[in-house]
Amino acid sequence: MSLLFERLGAFEGDHDDPLLAEALWAEFGCERTVMVLDMAGFTATSRAKGVVYYLKLIEQMRQLTRPLVQEVGGQVVKYEADNLFAVFSSPGDAMSCLEAAYEESTRLNEGRERPAQLRMCAGLDHGQILLDEADFFGDAVNLASKLGEDLARSGEVLVSSTVREMLGDDLYKLKEVGSHGFYGTPAPVFRWQRS
């Protein structure tokens, strides 16, 4: 069980007691860039090659991404199914990790037919989150998940306006591709796609 939930379970006041929120934010609160990477093509790959083949691709993604996250000072929070959940100090570190992951997956995919390839997409947001050794929570986690799992297509990285502002336009050409209403008002979404 995560330390955050141990603290919640040990708290004897009401769940909406402001002291609980204050204590949890003091112990677990931090500002991070959240990356949610999702593998693309589950249905096509499973039908073409079988579910065991897809499970092997998941394992390959995990072996590929863990050292890349760590190389730029990031932290793998968890893997769930075919998703990687990670945090970084800055959007630039997250993008460096993703660039390396896409380059490595391109190398791994050489000679493989499309349904057998390791294909990925990702979402990024930056903000205040609650983070412990096993999980994380907050708006940035929710938006990165929405962008990476629900909206991004194979080969894409979708980023929030916060991430776009922090990255600027020099290194990564980010194109506005629509908006989301996650925070109650429409906010732009930007795409980076490897050429």
C-alpha atoms as a PDB file:
ATOM      1  CA  MET A   1       0.000   0.000   0.000  1.00  0.00           C
ATOM      2  CA  SER A   2       1.210   3.515  -0.719  1.00  0.00           C
ATOM      3  CA  LEU A   3       2.398   5.765   2.076  1.00  0.00           C
ATOM      4  CA  LEU A   4      -0.147   8.394   1.057  1.00  0.00           C
ATOM      5  CA  PHE A   5      -3.018   5.977   1.670  1.00  0.00           C
ATOM      6  CA  GLU A   6      -1.471   4.852   4.950  1.00  0.00           C
ATOM      7  CA  ARG A   7      -1.582   8.494   6.094  1.00  0.00           C
ATOM      8  CA  LEU A   8      -5.195   8.775   4.939  1.00  0.00           C
ATOM      9  CA  GLY A   9      -6.154   5.622   6.830  1.00  0.00           C
ATOM     10  CA  ALA A  10      -4.444   6.810  10.015  1.00  0.00           C
ATOM     11  CA  PHE A  11      -6.147  10.216  10.009  1.00  0.00           C
ATOM     12  CA  GLU A  12      -8.951  10.272  12.564  1.00  0.00           C
ATOM     13  CA  GLY A  13     -10.771  13.426  11.489  1.00  0.00           C
ATOM     14  CA  ASP A  14     -13.338  13.919   8.740  1.00  0.00           C
ATOM     15  CA  HIS A  15     -12.138  13.372   5.180  1.00  0.00           C
ATOM     16  CA  ASP A  16     -12.872  17.030   4.359  1.00  0.00           C
ATOM     17  CA  ASP A  17     -10.921  18.353   7.360  1.00  0.00           C
ATOM     18  CA  PRO A  18      -8.578  21.091   6.067  1.00  0.00           C
ATOM     19  CA  LEU A  19      -5.847  19.786   8.382  1.00  0.00           C
ATOM     20  CA  LEU A  20      -5.768  16.531   6.416  1.00  0.00           C
ATOM     21  CA  ALA A  21      -5.305  18.305   3.092  1.00  0.00           C
ATOM     22  CA  GLU A  22      -2.675  20.600   4.579  1.00  0.00           C
ATOM     23  CA  ALA A  23      -0.727  17.680   6.055  1.00  0.00           C
ATOM     24  CA  LEU A  24      -0.852  15.626   2.849  1.00  0.00           C
ATOM     25  CA  TRP A  25       0.217  18.531   0.631  1.00  0.00           C
ATOM     26  CA  ALA A  26       3.063  19.332   3.045  1.00  0.00           C
ATOM     27  CA  GLU A  27       4.333  15.748   2.972  1.00  0.00           C
ATOM     28  CA  PHE A  28       3.557  14.634  -0.585  1.00  0.00           C
ATOM     29  CA  GLY A  29       2.983  17.812  -2.604  1.00  0.00           C
ATOM     30  CA  CYS A  30       5.408  18.775  -5.357  1.00  0.00           C
ATOM     31  CA  GLU A  31       5.506  20.456  -8.750  1.00  0.00           C
ATOM     32  CA  ARG A  32       6.302  18.083 -11.613  1.00  0.00           C
ATOM     33  CA  THR A  33       5.797  17.410 -15.287  1.00  0.00           C
ATOM     34  CA  VAL A  34       3.584  14.347 -15.604  1.00  0.00           C
ATOM     35  CA  MET A  35       3.998  12.008 -18.559  1.00  0.00           C
ATOM     36  CA  VAL A  36       1.494   9.299 -19.419  1.00  0.00           C
ATOM     37  CA  LEU A  37       2.729   7.067 -22.226  1.00  0.00           C
ATOM     38  CA  ASP A  38       0.297   4.632 -23.815  1.00  0.00           C
ATOM     39  CA  MET A  39       1.005   1.926 -26.347  1.00  0.00           C
ATOM     40  CA  ALA A  40      -0.992   2.180 -29.560  1.00  0.00           C
ATOM     41  CA  GLY A  41      -2.562  -0.592 -31.591  1.00  0.00           C
ATOM     42  CA  PHE A  42      -3.664  -3.103 -28.953  1.00  0.00           C
ATOM     43  CA  THR A  43      -6.596  -4.479 -30.950  1.00  0.00           C
ATOM     44  CA  ALA A  44      -4.785  -4.708 -34.293  1.00  0.00           C
ATOM     45  CA  THR A  45      -1.659  -6.231 -32.754  1.00  0.00           C
ATOM     46  CA  SER A  46      -3.561  -8.726 -30.610  1.00  0.00           C
ATOM     47  CA  ARG A  47      -5.638  -9.863 -33.586  1.00  0.00           C
ATOM     48  CA  ALA A  48      -2.673 -10.095 -35.942  1.00  0.00           C
ATOM     49  CA  LYS A  49      -0.107 -11.586 -33.582  1.00  0.00           C
ATOM     50  CA  GLY A  50      -2.004 -12.767 -30.491  1.00  0.00           C
ATOM     51  CA  VAL A  51      -2.280 -11.376 -26.984  1.00  0.00           C
ATOM     52  CA  VAL A  52       0.961 -13.040 -25.814  1.00  0.00           C
ATOM     53  CA  TYR A  53       2.851 -11.181 -28.533  1.00  0.00           C
ATOM     54  CA  TYR A  54       1.307  -7.921 -27.316  1.00  0.00           C
ATOM     55  CA  LEU A  55       2.285  -8.753 -23.732  1.00  0.00           C
ATOM     56  CA  LYS A  56       5.855  -9.213 -24.965  1.00  0.00           C
ATOM     57  CA  LEU A  57       5.651  -5.752 -26.563  1.00  0.00           C
ATOM     58  CA  ILE A  58       4.495  -4.339 -23.220  1.00  0.00           C
ATOM     59  CA  GLU A  59       7.517  -5.888 -21.545  1.00  0.00           C
ATOM     60  CA  GLN A  60       9.743  -4.462 -24.284  1.00  0.00           C
ATOM     61  CA  MET A  61       8.268  -0.987 -23.705  1.00  0.00           C
ATOM     62  CA  ARG A  62       8.956  -1.272 -19.989  1.00  0.00           C
ATOM     63  CA  GLN A  63      12.560  -2.350 -20.522  1.00  0.00           C
ATOM     64  CA  LEU A  64      13.067   0.433 -23.055  1.00  0.00           C
ATOM     65  CA  THR A  65      11.522   3.294 -21.059  1.00  0.00           C
ATOM     66  CA  ARG A  66      12.725   2.764 -17.489  1.00  0.00           C
ATOM     67  CA  PRO A  67      16.393   3.636 -18.140  1.00  0.00           C
ATOM     68  CA  LEU A  68      15.399   6.516 -20.438  1.00  0.00           C
ATOM     69  CA  VAL A  69      13.236   8.068 -17.710  1.00  0.00           C
ATOM     70  CA  GLN A  70      16.055   7.664 -15.183  1.00  0.00           C
ATOM     71  CA  GLU A  71      18.717   9.081 -17.538  1.00  0.00           C
ATOM     72  CA  VAL A  72      17.066  12.507 -17.487  1.00  0.00           C
ATOM     73  CA  GLY A  73      16.394  12.426 -13.732  1.00  0.00           C
ATOM     74  CA  GLY A  74      12.763  11.366 -14.031  1.00  0.00           C
ATOM     75  CA  GLN A  75      10.915   8.865 -11.884  1.00  0.00           C
ATOM     76  CA  VAL A  76       8.814   5.950 -13.045  1.00  0.00           C
ATOM     77  CA  VAL A  77       5.790   6.105 -10.773  1.00  0.00           C
ATOM     78  CA  LYS A  78       4.172   2.926 -12.080  1.00  0.00           C
ATOM     79  CA  TYR A  79       3.365   0.756 -15.062  1.00  0.00           C
ATOM     80  CA  GLU A  80      -0.253  -0.306 -15.537  1.00  0.00           C
ATOM     81  CA  ALA A  81      -1.161  -2.580 -18.441  1.00  0.00           C
ATOM     82  CA  ASP A  82       0.389  -0.907 -21.508  1.00  0.00           C
ATOM     83  CA  ASN A  83       0.864   2.498 -19.843  1.00  0.00           C
ATOM     84  CA  LEU A  84       3.862   4.198 -18.276  1.00  0.00           C
ATOM     85  CA  PHE A  85       3.225   6.867 -15.642  1.00  0.00           C
ATOM     86  CA  ALA A  86       6.272   9.029 -14.881  1.00  0.00           C
ATOM     87  CA  VAL A  87       7.252  12.419 -13.481  1.00  0.00           C
ATOM     88  CA  PHE A  88      10.025  14.837 -14.386  1.00  0.00           C
ATOM     89  CA  SER A  89      11.388  18.107 -13.031  1.00  0.00           C
ATOM     90  CA  SER A  90      10.585  19.893 -16.279  1.00  0.00           C
ATOM     91  CA  PRO A  91       8.786  19.446 -19.600  1.00  0.00           C
ATOM     92  CA  GLY A  92      12.156  19.537 -21.363  1.00  0.00           C
ATOM     93  CA  ASP A  93      13.305  16.450 -19.469  1.00  0.00           C
ATOM     94  CA  ALA A  94      10.066  14.647 -20.354  1.00  0.00           C
ATOM     95  CA  MET A  95      10.424  15.557 -24.036  1.00  0.00           C
ATOM     96  CA  SER A  96      14.064  14.394 -24.072  1.00  0.00           C
ATOM     97  CA  CYS A  97      12.920  11.060 -22.667  1.00  0.00           C
ATOM     98  CA  LEU A  98      10.165  10.768 -25.266  1.00  0.00           C
ATOM     99  CA  GLU A  99      12.513  11.635 -28.131  1.00  0.00           C
ATOM    100  CA  ALA A 100      14.883   8.882 -27.028  1.00  0.00           C
ATOM    101  CA  ALA A 101      12.002   6.417 -26.585  1.00  0.00           C
ATOM    102  CA  TYR A 102      10.685   7.114 -30.089  1.00  0.00           C
ATOM    103  CA  GLU A 103      14.162   6.785 -31.595  1.00  0.00           C
ATOM    104  CA  GLU A 104      14.726   3.471 -29.838  1.00  0.00           C
ATOM    105  CA  SER A 105      11.290   2.127 -30.803  1.00  0.00           C
ATOM    106  CA  THR A 106      11.949   3.090 -34.444  1.00  0.00           C
ATOM    107  CA  ARG A 107      15.145   1.030 -34.306  1.00  0.00           C
ATOM    108  CA  LEU A 108      13.308  -1.913 -32.711  1.00  0.00           C
ATOM    109  CA  ASN A 109      10.545  -1.744 -35.323  1.00  0.00           C
ATOM    110  CA  GLU A 110      12.854  -2.045 -38.339  1.00  0.00           C
ATOM    111  CA  GLY A 111      11.789  -5.028 -40.396  1.00  0.00           C
ATOM    112  CA  ARG A 112       8.547  -5.601 -38.455  1.00  0.00           C
ATOM    113  CA  GLU A 113       5.182  -5.368 -40.164  1.00  0.00           C
ATOM    114  CA  ARG A 114       2.987  -2.596 -38.704  1.00  0.00           C
ATOM    115  CA  PRO A 115       0.752  -4.764 -36.482  1.00  0.00           C
ATOM    116  CA  ALA A 116       3.883  -6.228 -34.861  1.00  0.00           C
ATOM    117  CA  GLN A 117       5.517  -2.874 -34.088  1.00  0.00           C
ATOM    118  CA  LEU A 118       6.007  -1.198 -30.733  1.00  0.00           C
ATOM    119  CA  ARG A 119       4.029   2.020 -31.180  1.00  0.00           C
ATOM    120  CA  MET A 120       3.450   4.657 -28.530  1.00  0.00           C
ATOM    121  CA  CYS A 121       1.750   7.973 -27.829  1.00  0.00           C
ATOM    122  CA  ALA A 122       1.939  10.265 -24.808  1.00  0.00           C
ATOM    123  CA  GLY A 123       0.410  13.171 -22.937  1.00  0.00           C
ATOM    124  CA  LEU A 124       2.151  15.793 -20.795  1.00  0.00           C
ATOM    125  CA  ASP A 125       0.990  18.342 -18.249  1.00  0.00           C
ATOM    126  CA  HIS A 126       2.802  20.227 -15.504  1.00  0.00           C
ATOM    127  CA  GLY A 127       1.557  21.287 -12.093  1.00  0.00           C
ATOM    128  CA  GLN A 128       1.166  20.593  -8.393  1.00  0.00           C
ATOM    129  CA  ILE A 129       0.584  16.927  -7.588  1.00  0.00           C
ATOM    130  CA  LEU A 130       0.566  14.542  -4.657  1.00  0.00           C
ATOM    131  CA  LEU A 131       3.342  11.977  -5.201  1.00  0.00           C
ATOM    132  CA  ASP A 132       4.542   9.033  -3.150  1.00  0.00           C
ATOM    133  CA  GLU A 133       6.590   5.956  -3.984  1.00  0.00           C
ATOM    134  CA  ALA A 134       3.688   4.074  -5.583  1.00  0.00           C
ATOM    135  CA  ASP A 135       1.211   6.536  -7.091  1.00  0.00           C
ATOM    136  CA  PHE A 136       0.334  10.154  -7.817  1.00  0.00           C
ATOM    137  CA  PHE A 137      -2.741  12.347  -7.934  1.00  0.00           C
ATOM    138  CA  GLY A 138      -3.807  15.781  -9.125  1.00  0.00           C
ATOM    139  CA  ASP A 139      -5.066  17.747 -12.090  1.00  0.00           C
ATOM    140  CA  ALA A 140      -1.776  17.372 -13.986  1.00  0.00           C
ATOM    141  CA  VAL A 141      -2.032  13.578 -13.669  1.00  0.00           C
ATOM    142  CA  ASN A 142      -5.626  13.604 -14.871  1.00  0.00           C
ATOM    143  CA  LEU A 143      -4.957  15.841 -17.866  1.00  0.00           C
ATOM    144  CA  ALA A 144      -1.789  13.994 -18.920  1.00  0.00           C
ATOM    145  CA  SER A 145      -3.800  10.748 -18.761  1.00  0.00           C
ATOM    146  CA  LYS A 146      -6.599  12.212 -20.850  1.00  0.00           C
ATOM    147  CA  LEU A 147      -4.142  13.514 -23.452  1.00  0.00           C
ATOM    148  CA  GLY A 148      -1.958  10.398 -23.574  1.00  0.00           C
ATOM    149  CA  GLU A 149      -4.530   7.632 -23.296  1.00  0.00           C
ATOM    150  CA  ASP A 150      -7.664   9.060 -24.878  1.00  0.00           C
ATOM    151  CA  LEU A 151      -6.652  11.723 -27.386  1.00  0.00           C
ATOM    152  CA  ALA A 152      -3.137  11.048 -28.679  1.00  0.00           C
ATOM    153  CA  ARG A 153      -2.630   8.798 -31.691  1.00  0.00           C
ATOM    154  CA  SER A 154       0.355   6.625 -32.495  1.00  0.00           C
ATOM    155  CA  GLY A 155       3.551   8.670 -32.681  1.00  0.00           C
ATOM    156  CA  GLU A 156       2.004  11.780 -31.128  1.00  0.00           C
ATOM    157  CA  VAL A 157       2.787  13.656 -27.958  1.00  0.00           C
ATOM    158  CA  LEU A 158      -0.041  15.931 -26.840  1.00  0.00           C
ATOM    159  CA  VAL A 159       0.799  18.660 -24.352  1.00  0.00           C
ATOM    160  CA  SER A 160      -1.153  21.163 -22.302  1.00  0.00           C
ATOM    161  CA  SER A 161      -0.848  24.912 -22.735  1.00  0.00           C
ATOM    162  CA  THR A 162       1.210  24.984 -19.509  1.00  0.00           C
ATOM    163  CA  VAL A 163       3.774  22.614 -20.996  1.00  0.00           C
ATOM    164  CA  ARG A 164       3.802  24.504 -24.288  1.00  0.00           C
ATOM    165  CA  GLU A 165       4.498  27.792 -22.494  1.00  0.00           C
ATOM    166  CA  MET A 166       7.318  26.212 -20.488  1.00  0.00           C
ATOM    167  CA  LEU A 167       8.898  24.618 -23.583  1.00  0.00           C
ATOM    168  CA  GLY A 168       8.584  27.619 -25.881  1.00  0.00           C
ATOM    169  CA  ASP A 169       8.749  27.222 -29.649  1.00  0.00           C
ATOM    170  CA  ASP A 170      12.457  26.915 -30.332  1.00  0.00           C
ATOM    171  CA  LEU A 171      13.264  23.264 -29.798  1.00  0.00           C
ATOM    172  CA  TYR A 172       9.921  21.556 -30.332  1.00  0.00           C
ATOM    173  CA  LYS A 173       7.552  22.738 -33.005  1.00  0.00           C
ATOM    174  CA  LEU A 174       4.224  22.370 -31.256  1.00  0.00           C
ATOM    175  CA  LYS A 175       1.063  22.779 -33.284  1.00  0.00           C
ATOM    176  CA  GLU A 176      -2.284  23.644 -31.735  1.00  0.00           C
ATOM    177  CA  VAL A 177      -4.681  20.825 -32.618  1.00  0.00           C
ATOM    178  CA  GLY A 178      -7.837  21.614 -30.704  1.00  0.00           C
ATOM    179  CA  SER A 179      -8.948  22.065 -27.141  1.00  0.00           C
ATOM    180  CA  HIS A 180     -10.098  20.163 -24.092  1.00  0.00           C
ATOM    181  CA  GLY A 181     -12.614  21.143 -21.452  1.00  0.00           C
ATOM    182  CA  PHE A 182     -11.007  19.252 -18.613  1.00  0.00           C
ATOM    183  CA  TYR A 183     -10.756  22.225 -16.236  1.00  0.00           C
ATOM    184  CA  GLY A 184     -14.273  23.462 -16.983  1.00  0.00           C
ATOM    185  CA  THR A 185     -13.298  25.919 -19.695  1.00  0.00           C
ATOM    186  CA  PRO A 186     -11.833  25.069 -23.089  1.00  0.00           C
ATOM    187  CA  ALA A 187      -8.033  25.085 -23.129  1.00  0.00           C
ATOM    188  CA  PRO A 188      -5.770  24.498 -26.135  1.00  0.00           C
ATOM    189  CA  VAL A 189      -3.972  21.228 -26.810  1.00  0.00           C
ATOM    190  CA  PHE A 190      -0.677  21.143 -28.693  1.00  0.00           C
ATOM    191  CA  ARG A 191       0.890  18.290 -30.648  1.00  0.00           C
ATOM    192  CA  TRP A 192       4.468  17.273 -31.217  1.00  0.00           C
ATOM    193  CA  GLN A 193       4.925  14.501 -33.716  1.00  0.00           C
ATOM    194  CA  ARG A 194       8.255  13.032 -34.686  1.00  0.00           C
ATOM    195  CA  SER A 195       8.983  13.572 -38.335  1.00  0.00           C
END
